[in-house]
Amino acid sequence: MKKLFLLFAVATMSLSIYSCRETTEENAEDTVESMEENVEEAANDAENEIEAAGEEVETEMEEEVEGTDDMNEDDDM
C-alpha cells in the first residue's frame, strides 16, 4: 500500500511540475507578444510625433520665408 501511495504521489508531482512548465511557457509567449505590440505602438507614436514636428517646422519656415520676402520687397521700393 505504501508503494502504491508513493507511486501516486510521484506521478502527481510529475504532472504538476509539467503543467507548471507549460503555464510558464505560455506566460512567456504572452509577455513577448505583449512587448511586441507595445514596441509597435511606441514606434507608431514616435513616427506620428516626428511627422507632426516636421510639419510644424515646415510651417514655421514658410512663415519665416514669407515674412522675409515681404521685408525684401519693402526694401526694394
PDB file of N, CA and C in Angstrom:
ATOM      1  N   MET A   1       0.821  -1.180   0.000  1.00  0.00           N
ATOM      2  CA  MET A   1       0.000   0.000   0.000  1.00  0.00           C
ATOM      3  C   MET A   1       0.876   1.259   0.000  1.00  0.00           C
ATOM      4  N   LYS A   2       1.972   1.226   0.748  1.00  0.00           N
ATOM      5  CA  LYS A   2       2.867   2.380   0.791  1.00  0.00           C
ATOM      6  C   LYS A   2       3.471   2.637  -0.587  1.00  0.00           C
ATOM      7  N   LYS A   3       3.814   1.553  -1.285  1.00  0.00           N
ATOM      8  CA  LYS A   3       4.399   1.710  -2.606  1.00  0.00           C
ATOM      9  C   LYS A   3       3.393   2.342  -3.571  1.00  0.00           C
ATOM     10  N   LEU A   4       2.163   1.949  -3.492  1.00  0.00           N
ATOM     11  CA  LEU A   4       1.122   2.482  -4.342  1.00  0.00           C
ATOM     12  C   LEU A   4       0.917   3.978  -4.051  1.00  0.00           C
ATOM     13  N   PHE A   5       0.872   4.335  -2.780  1.00  0.00           N
ATOM     14  CA  PHE A   5       0.717   5.734  -2.392  1.00  0.00           C
ATOM     15  C   PHE A   5       1.918   6.554  -2.854  1.00  0.00           C
ATOM     16  N   LEU A   6       3.108   6.027  -2.675  1.00  0.00           N
ATOM     17  CA  LEU A   6       4.321   6.711  -3.092  1.00  0.00           C
ATOM     18  C   LEU A   6       4.341   6.903  -4.618  1.00  0.00           C
ATOM     19  N   LEU A   7       3.949   5.884  -5.360  1.00  0.00           N
ATOM     20  CA  LEU A   7       3.877   5.969  -6.808  1.00  0.00           C
ATOM     21  C   LEU A   7       2.864   7.030  -7.235  1.00  0.00           C
ATOM     22  N   PHE A   8       1.717   7.066  -6.574  1.00  0.00           N
ATOM     23  CA  PHE A   8       0.700   8.071  -6.870  1.00  0.00           C
ATOM     24  C   PHE A   8       1.222   9.484  -6.577  1.00  0.00           C
ATOM     25  N   ALA A   9       1.936   9.653  -5.473  1.00  0.00           N
ATOM     26  CA  ALA A   9       2.486  10.948  -5.098  1.00  0.00           C
ATOM     27  C   ALA A   9       3.523  11.417  -6.126  1.00  0.00           C
ATOM     28  N   VAL A  10       4.376  10.532  -6.565  1.00  0.00           N
ATOM     29  CA  VAL A  10       5.396  10.870  -7.557  1.00  0.00           C
ATOM     30  C   VAL A  10       4.734  11.234  -8.887  1.00  0.00           C
ATOM     31  N   ALA A  11       3.736  10.471  -9.283  1.00  0.00           N
ATOM     32  CA  ALA A  11       3.034  10.753 -10.537  1.00  0.00           C
ATOM     33  C   ALA A  11       2.334  12.108 -10.467  1.00  0.00           C
ATOM     34  N   THR A  12       1.710  12.392  -9.338  1.00  0.00           N
ATOM     35  CA  THR A  12       1.021  13.673  -9.160  1.00  0.00           C
ATOM     36  C   THR A  12       2.007  14.835  -9.202  1.00  0.00           C
ATOM     37  N   MET A  13       3.126  14.701  -8.552  1.00  0.00           N
ATOM     38  CA  MET A  13       4.141  15.754  -8.573  1.00  0.00           C
ATOM     39  C   MET A  13       4.690  15.960  -9.976  1.00  0.00           C
ATOM     40  N   SER A  14       4.918  14.877 -10.676  1.00  0.00           N
ATOM     41  CA  SER A  14       5.432  14.981 -12.042  1.00  0.00           C
ATOM     42  C   SER A  14       4.451  15.735 -12.932  1.00  0.00           C
ATOM     43  N   LEU A  15       3.179  15.429 -12.817  1.00  0.00           N
ATOM     44  CA  LEU A  15       2.173  16.119 -13.614  1.00  0.00           C
ATOM     45  C   LEU A  15       2.070  17.591 -13.237  1.00  0.00           C
ATOM     46  N   SER A  16       2.145  17.899 -11.962  1.00  0.00           N
ATOM     47  CA  SER A  16       2.038  19.300 -11.543  1.00  0.00           C
ATOM     48  C   SER A  16       3.246  20.106 -12.018  1.00  0.00           C
ATOM     49  N   ILE A  17       4.424  19.511 -11.957  1.00  0.00           N
ATOM     50  CA  ILE A  17       5.626  20.206 -12.446  1.00  0.00           C
ATOM     51  C   ILE A  17       5.527  20.405 -13.949  1.00  0.00           C
ATOM     52  N   TYR A  18       5.069  19.407 -14.664  1.00  0.00           N
ATOM     53  CA  TYR A  18       4.925  19.524 -16.115  1.00  0.00           C
ATOM     54  C   TYR A  18       3.908  20.600 -16.474  1.00  0.00           C
ATOM     55  N   SER A  19       2.779  20.631 -15.779  1.00  0.00           N
ATOM     56  CA  SER A  19       1.755  21.630 -16.090  1.00  0.00           C
ATOM     57  C   SER A  19       2.229  23.029 -15.727  1.00  0.00           C
ATOM     58  N   CYS A  20       3.012  23.186 -14.689  1.00  0.00           N
ATOM     59  CA  CYS A  20       3.563  24.495 -14.340  1.00  0.00           C
ATOM     60  C   CYS A  20       4.515  24.977 -15.424  1.00  0.00           C
ATOM     61  N   ARG A  21       5.273  24.076 -15.979  1.00  0.00           N
ATOM     62  CA  ARG A  21       6.206  24.434 -17.026  1.00  0.00           C
ATOM     63  C   ARG A  21       5.458  24.952 -18.247  1.00  0.00           C
ATOM     64  N   GLU A  22       4.355  24.300 -18.612  1.00  0.00           N
ATOM     65  CA  GLU A  22       3.566  24.760 -19.746  1.00  0.00           C
ATOM     66  C   GLU A  22       2.992  26.145 -19.477  1.00  0.00           C
ATOM     67  N   THR A  23       2.537  26.372 -18.281  1.00  0.00           N
ATOM     68  CA  THR A  23       1.989  27.671 -17.921  1.00  0.00           C
ATOM     69  C   THR A  23       3.060  28.740 -18.027  1.00  0.00           C
ATOM     70  N   THR A  24       4.243  28.438 -17.577  1.00  0.00           N
ATOM     71  CA  THR A  24       5.347  29.386 -17.655  1.00  0.00           C
ATOM     72  C   THR A  24       5.671  29.705 -19.113  1.00  0.00           C
ATOM     73  N   GLU A  25       5.697  28.688 -19.948  1.00  0.00           N
ATOM     74  CA  GLU A  25       5.976  28.904 -21.368  1.00  0.00           C
ATOM     75  C   GLU A  25       4.883  29.758 -22.003  1.00  0.00           C
ATOM     76  N   GLU A  26       3.622  29.478 -21.660  1.00  0.00           N
ATOM     77  CA  GLU A  26       2.519  30.265 -22.202  1.00  0.00           C
ATOM     78  C   GLU A  26       2.613  31.705 -21.726  1.00  0.00           C
ATOM     79  N   ASN A  27       2.941  31.892 -20.450  1.00  0.00           N
ATOM     80  CA  ASN A  27       3.085  33.247 -19.918  1.00  0.00           C
ATOM     81  C   ASN A  27       4.226  33.985 -20.614  1.00  0.00           C
ATOM     82  N   ALA A  28       5.303  33.288 -20.879  1.00  0.00           N
ATOM     83  CA  ALA A  28       6.434  33.911 -21.570  1.00  0.00           C
ATOM     84  C   ALA A  28       6.042  34.304 -22.990  1.00  0.00           C
ATOM     85  N   GLU A  29       5.313  33.450 -23.673  1.00  0.00           N
ATOM     86  CA  GLU A  29       4.858  33.768 -25.023  1.00  0.00           C
ATOM     87  C   GLU A  29       3.919  34.968 -25.005  1.00  0.00           C
ATOM     88  N   ASP A  30       3.006  35.001 -24.042  1.00  0.00           N
ATOM     89  CA  ASP A  30       2.092  36.134 -23.921  1.00  0.00           C
ATOM     90  C   ASP A  30       2.852  37.424 -23.638  1.00  0.00           C
ATOM     91  N   THR A  31       3.876  37.326 -22.808  1.00  0.00           N
ATOM     92  CA  THR A  31       4.683  38.506 -22.486  1.00  0.00           C
ATOM     93  C   THR A  31       5.417  39.011 -23.716  1.00  0.00           C
ATOM     94  N   VAL A  32       5.977  38.108 -24.487  1.00  0.00           N
ATOM     95  CA  VAL A  32       6.698  38.500 -25.709  1.00  0.00           C
ATOM     96  C   VAL A  32       5.732  39.160 -26.690  1.00  0.00           C
ATOM     97  N   GLU A  33       4.561  38.586 -26.866  1.00  0.00           N
ATOM     98  CA  GLU A  33       3.575  39.159 -27.776  1.00  0.00           C
ATOM     99  C   GLU A  33       3.155  40.547 -27.305  1.00  0.00           C
ATOM    100  N   SER A  34       2.960  40.696 -26.020  1.00  0.00           N
ATOM    101  CA  SER A  34       2.587  41.989 -25.457  1.00  0.00           C
ATOM    102  C   SER A  34       3.687  43.015 -25.668  1.00  0.00           C
ATOM    103  N   MET A  35       4.922  42.600 -25.478  1.00  0.00           N
ATOM    104  CA  MET A  35       6.057  43.504 -25.687  1.00  0.00           C
ATOM    105  C   MET A  35       6.139  43.926 -27.151  1.00  0.00           C
ATOM    106  N   GLU A  36       5.905  42.995 -28.072  1.00  0.00           N
ATOM    107  CA  GLU A  36       5.936  43.320 -29.496  1.00  0.00           C
ATOM    108  C   GLU A  36       4.877  44.362 -29.822  1.00  0.00           C
ATOM    109  N   GLU A  37       3.671  44.191 -29.271  1.00  0.00           N
ATOM    110  CA  GLU A  37       2.602  45.153 -29.504  1.00  0.00           C
ATOM    111  C   GLU A  37       2.971  46.521 -28.933  1.00  0.00           C
ATOM    112  N   ASN A  38       3.571  46.535 -27.750  1.00  0.00           N
ATOM    113  CA  ASN A  38       3.968  47.798 -27.131  1.00  0.00           C
ATOM    114  C   ASN A  38       5.041  48.508 -27.945  1.00  0.00           C
ATOM    115  N   VAL A  39       5.986  47.742 -28.479  1.00  0.00           N
ATOM    116  CA  VAL A  39       7.056  48.333 -29.289  1.00  0.00           C
ATOM    117  C   VAL A  39       6.472  48.914 -30.578  1.00  0.00           C
ATOM    118  N   GLU A  40       5.573  48.177 -31.219  1.00  0.00           N
ATOM    119  CA  GLU A  40       4.951  48.670 -32.448  1.00  0.00           C
ATOM    120  C   GLU A  40       4.156  49.947 -32.172  1.00  0.00           C
ATOM    121  N   GLU A  41       3.413  49.956 -31.078  1.00  0.00           N
ATOM    122  CA  GLU A  41       2.620  51.133 -30.716  1.00  0.00           C
ATOM    123  C   GLU A  41       3.522  52.335 -30.433  1.00  0.00           C
ATOM    124  N   ALA A  42       4.605  52.096 -29.702  1.00  0.00           N
ATOM    125  CA  ALA A  42       5.547  53.178 -29.398  1.00  0.00           C
ATOM    126  C   ALA A  42       6.205  53.702 -30.674  1.00  0.00           C
ATOM    127  N   ALA A  43       6.534  52.812 -31.594  1.00  0.00           N
ATOM    128  CA  ALA A  43       7.144  53.232 -32.854  1.00  0.00           C
ATOM    129  C   ALA A  43       6.164  54.062 -33.673  1.00  0.00           C
ATOM    130  N   ASN A  44       4.908  53.653 -33.704  1.00  0.00           N
ATOM    131  CA  ASN A  44       3.896  54.419 -34.431  1.00  0.00           C
ATOM    132  C   ASN A  44       3.689  55.789 -33.793  1.00  0.00           C
ATOM    133  N   ASP A  45       3.652  55.841 -32.468  1.00  0.00           N
ATOM    134  CA  ASP A  45       3.510  57.116 -31.766  1.00  0.00           C
ATOM    135  C   ASP A  45       4.691  58.033 -32.066  1.00  0.00           C
ATOM    136  N   ALA A  46       5.890  57.481 -32.049  1.00  0.00           N
ATOM    137  CA  ALA A  46       7.084  58.278 -32.339  1.00  0.00           C
ATOM    138  C   ALA A  46       7.046  58.789 -33.770  1.00  0.00           C
ATOM    139  N   GLU A  47       6.635  57.943 -34.693  1.00  0.00           N
ATOM    140  CA  GLU A  47       6.542  58.349 -36.095  1.00  0.00           C
ATOM    141  C   GLU A  47       5.551  59.503 -36.248  1.00  0.00           C
ATOM    142  N   ASN A  48       4.406  59.397 -35.591  1.00  0.00           N
ATOM    143  CA  ASN A  48       3.404  60.457 -35.663  1.00  0.00           C
ATOM    144  C   ASN A  48       3.927  61.762 -35.071  1.00  0.00           C
ATOM    145  N   GLU A  49       4.629  61.679 -33.961  1.00  0.00           N
ATOM    146  CA  GLU A  49       5.192  62.874 -33.336  1.00  0.00           C
ATOM    147  C   GLU A  49       6.261  63.516 -34.222  1.00  0.00           C
ATOM    148  N   ILE A  50       7.076  62.696 -34.858  1.00  0.00           N
ATOM    149  CA  ILE A  50       8.115  63.217 -35.745  1.00  0.00           C
ATOM    150  C   ILE A  50       7.479  63.909 -36.947  1.00  0.00           C
ATOM    151  N   GLU A  51       6.455  63.281 -37.515  1.00  0.00           N
ATOM    152  CA  GLU A  51       5.769  63.893 -38.649  1.00  0.00           C
ATOM    153  C   GLU A  51       5.134  65.220 -38.244  1.00  0.00           C
ATOM    154  N   ALA A  52       4.491  65.261 -37.079  1.00  0.00           N
ATOM    155  CA  ALA A  52       3.857  66.494 -36.608  1.00  0.00           C
ATOM    156  C   ALA A  52       4.904  67.584 -36.382  1.00  0.00           C
ATOM    157  N   ALA A  53       6.036  67.215 -35.804  1.00  0.00           N
ATOM    158  CA  ALA A  53       7.104  68.190 -35.578  1.00  0.00           C
ATOM    159  C   ALA A  53       7.665  68.686 -36.907  1.00  0.00           C
ATOM    160  N   GLY A  54       7.811  67.801 -37.868  1.00  0.00           N
ATOM    161  CA  GLY A  54       8.297  68.190 -39.195  1.00  0.00           C
ATOM    162  C   GLY A  54       7.343  69.150 -39.878  1.00  0.00           C
ATOM    163  N   GLU A  55       6.041  68.876 -39.759  1.00  0.00           N
ATOM    164  CA  GLU A  55       5.052  69.773 -40.356  1.00  0.00           C
ATOM    165  C   GLU A  55       5.078  71.137 -39.674  1.00  0.00           C
ATOM    166  N   GLU A  56       5.254  71.141 -38.371  1.00  0.00           N
ATOM    167  CA  GLU A  56       5.320  72.394 -37.624  1.00  0.00           C
ATOM    168  C   GLU A  56       6.538  73.220 -38.059  1.00  0.00           C
ATOM    169  N   VAL A  57       7.672  72.557 -38.185  1.00  0.00           N
ATOM    170  CA  VAL A  57       8.887  73.249 -38.627  1.00  0.00           C
ATOM    171  C   VAL A  57       8.694  73.774 -40.045  1.00  0.00           C
ATOM    172  N   GLU A  58       8.096  72.972 -40.912  1.00  0.00           N
ATOM    173  CA  GLU A  58       7.865  73.392 -42.285  1.00  0.00           C
ATOM    174  C   GLU A  58       6.967  74.632 -42.324  1.00  0.00           C
ATOM    175  N   THR A  59       5.915  74.632 -41.519  1.00  0.00           N
ATOM    176  CA  THR A  59       5.018  75.786 -41.457  1.00  0.00           C
ATOM    177  C   THR A  59       5.748  77.021 -40.952  1.00  0.00           C
ATOM    178  N   GLU A  60       6.540  76.857 -39.914  1.00  0.00           N
ATOM    179  CA  GLU A  60       7.297  77.985 -39.371  1.00  0.00           C
ATOM    180  C   GLU A  60       8.294  78.522 -40.393  1.00  0.00           C
ATOM    181  N   MET A  61       8.939  77.622 -41.125  1.00  0.00           N
ATOM    182  CA  MET A  61       9.897  78.046 -42.142  1.00  0.00           C
ATOM    183  C   MET A  61       9.187  78.808 -43.261  1.00  0.00           C
ATOM    184  N   GLU A  62       8.029  78.318 -43.682  1.00  0.00           N
ATOM    185  CA  GLU A  62       7.275  79.003 -44.728  1.00  0.00           C
ATOM    186  C   GLU A  62       6.867  80.395 -44.263  1.00  0.00           C
ATOM    187  N   GLU A  63       6.413  80.505 -43.023  1.00  0.00           N
ATOM    188  CA  GLU A  63       6.031  81.807 -42.480  1.00  0.00           C
ATOM    189  C   GLU A  63       7.243  82.729 -42.410  1.00  0.00           C
ATOM    190  N   GLU A  64       8.372  82.177 -42.020  1.00  0.00           N
ATOM    191  CA  GLU A  64       9.602  82.966 -41.926  1.00  0.00           C
ATOM    192  C   GLU A  64      10.040  83.455 -43.305  1.00  0.00           C
ATOM    193  N   VAL A  65       9.961  82.572 -44.292  1.00  0.00           N
ATOM    194  CA  VAL A  65      10.359  82.934 -45.643  1.00  0.00           C
ATOM    195  C   VAL A  65       9.400  83.986 -46.195  1.00  0.00           C
ATOM    196  N   GLU A  66       8.114  83.795 -45.966  1.00  0.00           N
ATOM    197  CA  GLU A  66       7.141  84.778 -46.437  1.00  0.00           C
ATOM    198  C   GLU A  66       7.380  86.126 -45.776  1.00  0.00           C
ATOM    199  N   GLY A  67       7.667  86.135 -44.501  1.00  0.00           N
ATOM    200  CA  GLY A  67       7.964  87.368 -43.789  1.00  0.00           C
ATOM    201  C   GLY A  67       9.214  88.023 -44.324  1.00  0.00           C
ATOM    202  N   THR A  68      10.209  87.255 -44.674  1.00  0.00           N
ATOM    203  CA  THR A  68      11.455  87.784 -45.233  1.00  0.00           C
ATOM    204  C   THR A  68      11.211  88.358 -46.613  1.00  0.00           C
ATOM    205  N   ASP A  69      10.374  87.667 -47.414  1.00  0.00           N
ATOM    206  CA  ASP A  69      10.062  88.160 -48.750  1.00  0.00           C
ATOM    207  C   ASP A  69       9.360  89.512 -48.671  1.00  0.00           C
ATOM    208  N   ASP A  70       8.479  89.676 -47.721  1.00  0.00           N
ATOM    209  CA  ASP A  70       7.787  90.950 -47.557  1.00  0.00           C
ATOM    210  C   ASP A  70       8.781  92.047 -47.215  1.00  0.00           C
ATOM    211  N   MET A  71       9.724  91.737 -46.375  1.00  0.00           N
ATOM    212  CA  MET A  71      10.722  92.726 -45.992  1.00  0.00           C
ATOM    213  C   MET A  71      11.590  93.094 -47.190  1.00  0.00           C
ATOM    214  N   ASN A  72      11.958  92.115 -47.980  1.00  0.00           N
ATOM    215  CA  ASN A  72      12.790  92.382 -49.141  1.00  0.00           C
ATOM    216  C   ASN A  72      12.067  93.243 -50.157  1.00  0.00           C
ATOM    217  N   GLU A  73      10.791  92.997 -50.350  1.00  0.00           N
ATOM    218  CA  GLU A  73      10.012  93.783 -51.292  1.00  0.00           C
ATOM    219  C   GLU A  73       9.932  95.230 -50.832  1.00  0.00           C
ATOM    220  N   ASP A  74       9.774  95.450 -49.519  1.00  0.00           N
ATOM    221  CA  ASP A  74       9.697  96.793 -48.987  1.00  0.00           C
ATOM    222  C   ASP A  74      11.028  97.512 -49.186  1.00  0.00           C
ATOM    223  N   ASP A  75      12.131  96.776 -49.033  1.00  0.00           N
ATOM    224  CA  ASP A  75      13.443  97.381 -49.181  1.00  0.00           C
ATOM    225  C   ASP A  75      13.716  97.765 -50.641  1.00  0.00           C
ATOM    226  N   ASP A  76      13.185  96.983 -51.570  1.00  0.00           N
ATOM    227  CA  ASP A  76      13.444  97.234 -52.988  1.00  0.00           C
ATOM    228  C   ASP A  76      12.721  98.464 -53.478  1.00  0.00           C
ATOM    229  N   MET A  77      11.674  98.875 -52.872  1.00  0.00           N
ATOM    230  CA  MET A  77      10.874 100.008 -53.361  1.00  0.00           C
ATOM    231  C   MET A  77      11.451 101.298 -53.011  1.00  0.00           C
TER     232      MET A  77
END
